[in-house]
Every structure is written in structure tokens, then in C-alpha cells.
Amino acid sequence: MDRRGRVLSVRFRRNSGSIMLDNATMIMFMRQTIPLDLHAEFVGHADVTVNYTLLE
């Protein structure tokens, strides 16, 4: 993230096992803006957990 909260890159610590889900997750976050706490120290990254429930 940059100092305005814009997502610059996405990295997976562990993939889902499905390239389609991983690509959809990456697209979901890229070029988005994450609200930042302006009073907190800037760290340049955020850890996000995404859980999927697949329905038939």
C-alpha cells in the first residue's frame, strides 16, 4: 500500500488451491483503497484473510 491506502500489489501467503479463486481475489483487491488510521504509524502493508464458501 502507498501512504494513501492504495493497494499496489497482492501476495498470497497460502493459495486456495484454485487458480480461479486466487485470480478473483487478486482482482478484488488490486487498485482499491483501504481506509487508513491517519494517527497510526504507516507500515505499508495489511494482512487480510479471505474465507470462501463454495455453493453448488
C-alpha atoms as a PDB file:
ATOM      1  CA  MET A   1       0.000   0.000   0.000  1.00  0.00           C
ATOM      2  CA  ASP A   2       1.063   3.536  -0.511  1.00  0.00           C
ATOM      3  CA  ARG A   3       0.555   6.272   2.079  1.00  0.00           C
ATOM      4  CA  ARG A   4      -2.947   6.980   0.737  1.00  0.00           C
ATOM      5  CA  GLY A   5      -4.026   3.365   1.289  1.00  0.00           C
ATOM      6  CA  ARG A   6      -3.993   2.354  -2.387  1.00  0.00           C
ATOM      7  CA  VAL A   7      -3.179  -1.309  -2.924  1.00  0.00           C
ATOM      8  CA  LEU A   8      -0.040  -1.587  -5.071  1.00  0.00           C
ATOM      9  CA  SER A   9       0.466  -5.344  -5.017  1.00  0.00           C
ATOM     10  CA  VAL A  10      -1.071  -8.549  -3.668  1.00  0.00           C
ATOM     11  CA  ARG A  11       0.871 -11.500  -2.301  1.00  0.00           C
ATOM     12  CA  PHE A  12      -0.521 -14.815  -1.128  1.00  0.00           C
ATOM     13  CA  ARG A  13       0.927 -16.485   1.940  1.00  0.00           C
ATOM     14  CA  ARG A  14      -1.070 -19.579   1.070  1.00  0.00           C
ATOM     15  CA  ASN A  15      -3.126 -20.037  -2.060  1.00  0.00           C
ATOM     16  CA  SER A  16      -6.603 -21.518  -2.195  1.00  0.00           C
ATOM     17  CA  GLY A  17      -5.647 -24.403  -4.454  1.00  0.00           C
ATOM     18  CA  SER A  18      -7.764 -22.907  -7.247  1.00  0.00           C
ATOM     19  CA  ILE A  19      -6.168 -20.521  -9.725  1.00  0.00           C
ATOM     20  CA  MET A  20      -9.628 -19.098 -10.475  1.00  0.00           C
ATOM     21  CA  LEU A  21     -10.262 -18.185  -6.816  1.00  0.00           C
ATOM     22  CA  ASP A  22      -6.751 -16.804  -6.405  1.00  0.00           C
ATOM     23  CA  ASN A  23      -7.088 -14.628  -9.532  1.00  0.00           C
ATOM     24  CA  ALA A  24     -10.528 -13.391  -8.442  1.00  0.00           C
ATOM     25  CA  THR A  25      -9.139 -12.496  -5.015  1.00  0.00           C
ATOM     26  CA  MET A  26      -6.219 -10.614  -6.532  1.00  0.00           C
ATOM     27  CA  ILE A  27      -8.523  -8.669  -8.862  1.00  0.00           C
ATOM     28  CA  MET A  28     -10.837  -7.885  -5.931  1.00  0.00           C
ATOM     29  CA  PHE A  29      -8.035  -6.053  -4.076  1.00  0.00           C
ATOM     30  CA  MET A  30      -5.888  -4.529  -6.836  1.00  0.00           C
ATOM     31  CA  ARG A  31      -6.276  -0.771  -7.340  1.00  0.00           C
ATOM     32  CA  GLN A  32      -8.580  -0.493  -4.337  1.00  0.00           C
ATOM     33  CA  THR A  33      -8.094   1.911  -1.458  1.00  0.00           C
ATOM     34  CA  ILE A  34      -8.039   0.681   2.119  1.00  0.00           C
ATOM     35  CA  PRO A  35      -9.011   3.248   4.764  1.00  0.00           C
ATOM     36  CA  LEU A  36      -6.030   4.072   6.954  1.00  0.00           C
ATOM     37  CA  ASP A  37      -5.873   5.306  10.512  1.00  0.00           C
ATOM     38  CA  LEU A  38      -4.168   8.659   9.972  1.00  0.00           C
ATOM     39  CA  HIS A  39      -2.934   8.663  13.576  1.00  0.00           C
ATOM     40  CA  ALA A  40      -1.220   5.270  13.321  1.00  0.00           C
ATOM     41  CA  GLU A  41       2.320   4.679  12.122  1.00  0.00           C
ATOM     42  CA  PHE A  42       2.434   3.847   8.395  1.00  0.00           C
ATOM     43  CA  VAL A  43       3.626   0.262   7.844  1.00  0.00           C
ATOM     44  CA  GLY A  44       2.920  -0.161   4.115  1.00  0.00           C
ATOM     45  CA  HIS A  45       1.104  -3.483   4.270  1.00  0.00           C
ATOM     46  CA  ALA A  46      -2.034  -5.142   5.563  1.00  0.00           C
ATOM     47  CA  ASP A  47      -2.718  -8.795   6.303  1.00  0.00           C
ATOM     48  CA  VAL A  48      -6.145  -9.901   5.098  1.00  0.00           C
ATOM     49  CA  THR A  49      -7.745 -13.323   5.468  1.00  0.00           C
ATOM     50  CA  VAL A  50     -10.275 -14.348   2.828  1.00  0.00           C
ATOM     51  CA  ASN A  51     -12.534 -17.327   3.508  1.00  0.00           C
ATOM     52  CA  TYR A  52     -14.625 -18.859   0.743  1.00  0.00           C
ATOM     53  CA  THR A  53     -17.776 -20.922   0.925  1.00  0.00           C
ATOM     54  CA  LEU A  54     -18.473 -22.678  -2.360  1.00  0.00           C
ATOM     55  CA  LEU A  55     -22.103 -23.457  -3.079  1.00  0.00           C
ATOM     56  CA  GLU A  56     -23.352 -25.881  -5.677  1.00  0.00           C
END
